Amino acid sequence: IAAFEAVNFPLYAMQFHAEKPIFEWNHENINHSSDNIHAMAYFSQFLGREARKSLHTYPSRKDEQAALIYNYLPQYSPNYSSFVQVYW
């Protein structure tokens, strides 16, 4: 099973990275066909729409800003990771 959707709850699980075919180009074993790019874009957009339905918020603007990924510098990582960039 590579993807899971609960019947009675807004719960999803994926055992793959939908963003890889669109953004990761350093590995030949990633399918970059037009069909695969469209399918993975669909997954990404669907999960984004579902996430926007959430009413959860940070307690304050300061807490929200402290949690942003922009507070961290990505590291170029082709020598030790299957990703082009990683965050530590």
C-alpha atoms as a PDB file:
ATOM      1  CA  ILE A   1       0.000   0.000   0.000  1.00  0.00           C
ATOM      2  CA  ALA A   2       1.497   3.332  -1.051  1.00  0.00           C
ATOM      3  CA  ALA A   3      -1.397   5.633  -0.082  1.00  0.00           C
ATOM      4  CA  PHE A   4      -4.163   5.452   2.509  1.00  0.00           C
ATOM      5  CA  GLU A   5      -7.385   7.420   2.976  1.00  0.00           C
ATOM      6  CA  ALA A   6      -9.620   6.943   6.002  1.00  0.00           C
ATOM      7  CA  VAL A   7     -13.307   6.374   5.292  1.00  0.00           C
ATOM      8  CA  ASN A   8     -14.822   8.454   8.123  1.00  0.00           C
ATOM      9  CA  PHE A   9     -12.037  10.924   8.915  1.00  0.00           C
ATOM     10  CA  PRO A  10      -9.914  13.419   6.966  1.00  0.00           C
ATOM     11  CA  LEU A  11      -6.852  11.227   7.412  1.00  0.00           C
ATOM     12  CA  TYR A  12      -4.344  10.462   4.651  1.00  0.00           C
ATOM     13  CA  ALA A  13      -0.998   8.701   4.580  1.00  0.00           C
ATOM     14  CA  MET A  14       1.470   8.388   1.728  1.00  0.00           C
ATOM     15  CA  GLN A  15       4.533   6.200   1.540  1.00  0.00           C
ATOM     16  CA  PHE A  16       6.175   8.240  -1.208  1.00  0.00           C
ATOM     17  CA  HIS A  17       7.162  11.838  -1.867  1.00  0.00           C
ATOM     18  CA  ALA A  18       4.746  13.389  -4.351  1.00  0.00           C
ATOM     19  CA  GLU A  19       7.070  16.355  -4.831  1.00  0.00           C
ATOM     20  CA  LYS A  20      10.083  14.344  -5.997  1.00  0.00           C
ATOM     21  CA  PRO A  21       9.190  13.974  -9.704  1.00  0.00           C
ATOM     22  CA  ILE A  22       8.568  17.718  -9.912  1.00  0.00           C
ATOM     23  CA  PHE A  23      11.585  19.014  -7.981  1.00  0.00           C
ATOM     24  CA  GLU A  24      14.257  16.305  -7.769  1.00  0.00           C
ATOM     25  CA  TRP A  25      16.239  15.803 -10.969  1.00  0.00           C
ATOM     26  CA  ASN A  26      19.508  14.257  -9.802  1.00  0.00           C
ATOM     27  CA  HIS A  27      18.370  10.603  -9.927  1.00  0.00           C
ATOM     28  CA  GLU A  28      17.506   8.603 -13.012  1.00  0.00           C
ATOM     29  CA  ASN A  29      15.166   6.273 -11.093  1.00  0.00           C
ATOM     30  CA  ILE A  30      12.569   9.034 -10.581  1.00  0.00           C
ATOM     31  CA  ASN A  31       9.909   9.034 -13.277  1.00  0.00           C
ATOM     32  CA  HIS A  32       9.729  12.526 -14.807  1.00  0.00           C
ATOM     33  CA  SER A  33       7.154  11.729 -17.495  1.00  0.00           C
ATOM     34  CA  SER A  34       4.388  14.246 -18.136  1.00  0.00           C
ATOM     35  CA  ASP A  35       1.778  11.811 -16.762  1.00  0.00           C
ATOM     36  CA  ASN A  36       3.745  11.307 -13.551  1.00  0.00           C
ATOM     37  CA  ILE A  37       4.326  15.044 -13.074  1.00  0.00           C
ATOM     38  CA  HIS A  38       0.568  15.647 -13.468  1.00  0.00           C
ATOM     39  CA  ALA A  39      -0.342  12.813 -11.078  1.00  0.00           C
ATOM     40  CA  MET A  40       2.052  14.023  -8.395  1.00  0.00           C
ATOM     41  CA  ALA A  41       0.894  17.635  -8.854  1.00  0.00           C
ATOM     42  CA  TYR A  42      -2.662  16.392  -8.274  1.00  0.00           C
ATOM     43  CA  PHE A  43      -1.609  14.698  -5.004  1.00  0.00           C
ATOM     44  CA  SER A  44       0.207  17.832  -3.871  1.00  0.00           C
ATOM     45  CA  GLN A  45      -2.716  20.126  -4.679  1.00  0.00           C
ATOM     46  CA  PHE A  46      -5.238  17.760  -3.090  1.00  0.00           C
ATOM     47  CA  LEU A  47      -3.269  17.542   0.158  1.00  0.00           C
ATOM     48  CA  GLY A  48      -2.826  21.321   0.162  1.00  0.00           C
ATOM     49  CA  ARG A  49      -6.582  21.832  -0.205  1.00  0.00           C
ATOM     50  CA  GLU A  50      -7.223  19.381   2.637  1.00  0.00           C
ATOM     51  CA  ALA A  51      -4.670  21.107   4.886  1.00  0.00           C
ATOM     52  CA  ARG A  52      -6.296  24.502   4.270  1.00  0.00           C
ATOM     53  CA  LYS A  53      -9.540  23.113   5.742  1.00  0.00           C
ATOM     54  CA  SER A  54      -7.888  22.840   9.145  1.00  0.00           C
ATOM     55  CA  LEU A  55      -8.880  25.397  11.759  1.00  0.00           C
ATOM     56  CA  HIS A  56      -5.714  24.841  13.781  1.00  0.00           C
ATOM     57  CA  THR A  57      -3.591  27.946  14.347  1.00  0.00           C
ATOM     58  CA  TYR A  58      -0.501  28.925  16.302  1.00  0.00           C
ATOM     59  CA  PRO A  59      -1.164  30.605  19.658  1.00  0.00           C
ATOM     60  CA  SER A  60       0.567  33.783  18.478  1.00  0.00           C
ATOM     61  CA  ARG A  61       2.154  35.344  15.378  1.00  0.00           C
ATOM     62  CA  LYS A  62       5.552  35.054  17.114  1.00  0.00           C
ATOM     63  CA  ASP A  63       5.113  31.277  17.558  1.00  0.00           C
ATOM     64  CA  GLU A  64       4.060  30.942  13.938  1.00  0.00           C
ATOM     65  CA  GLN A  65       7.084  32.865  12.666  1.00  0.00           C
ATOM     66  CA  ALA A  66       9.425  30.800  14.868  1.00  0.00           C
ATOM     67  CA  ALA A  67       8.131  27.588  13.230  1.00  0.00           C
ATOM     68  CA  LEU A  68       8.690  28.666   9.607  1.00  0.00           C
ATOM     69  CA  ILE A  69      11.132  26.658   7.494  1.00  0.00           C
ATOM     70  CA  TYR A  70      12.600  29.972   6.326  1.00  0.00           C
ATOM     71  CA  ASN A  71      14.398  30.157   9.694  1.00  0.00           C
ATOM     72  CA  TYR A  72      16.684  27.334   8.510  1.00  0.00           C
ATOM     73  CA  LEU A  73      19.225  27.188   5.720  1.00  0.00           C
ATOM     74  CA  PRO A  74      18.935  24.309   3.252  1.00  0.00           C
ATOM     75  CA  GLN A  75      22.092  22.282   2.732  1.00  0.00           C
ATOM     76  CA  TYR A  76      23.095  20.994  -0.693  1.00  0.00           C
ATOM     77  CA  SER A  77      23.274  17.242  -0.096  1.00  0.00           C
ATOM     78  CA  PRO A  78      23.844  15.032  -3.157  1.00  0.00           C
ATOM     79  CA  ASN A  79      26.873  13.366  -1.534  1.00  0.00           C
ATOM     80  CA  TYR A  80      24.960  11.979   1.465  1.00  0.00           C
ATOM     81  CA  SER A  81      21.230  12.049   0.675  1.00  0.00           C
ATOM     82  CA  SER A  82      18.791  11.104  -2.058  1.00  0.00           C
ATOM     83  CA  PHE A  83      17.459  14.675  -1.810  1.00  0.00           C
ATOM     84  CA  VAL A  84      19.119  17.651  -3.497  1.00  0.00           C
ATOM     85  CA  GLN A  85      18.669  19.737  -0.343  1.00  0.00           C
ATOM     86  CA  VAL A  86      18.087  18.901   3.316  1.00  0.00           C
ATOM     87  CA  TYR A  87      17.307  20.961   6.421  1.00  0.00           C
ATOM     88  CA  TRP A  88      19.028  20.255   9.745  1.00  0.00           C
END
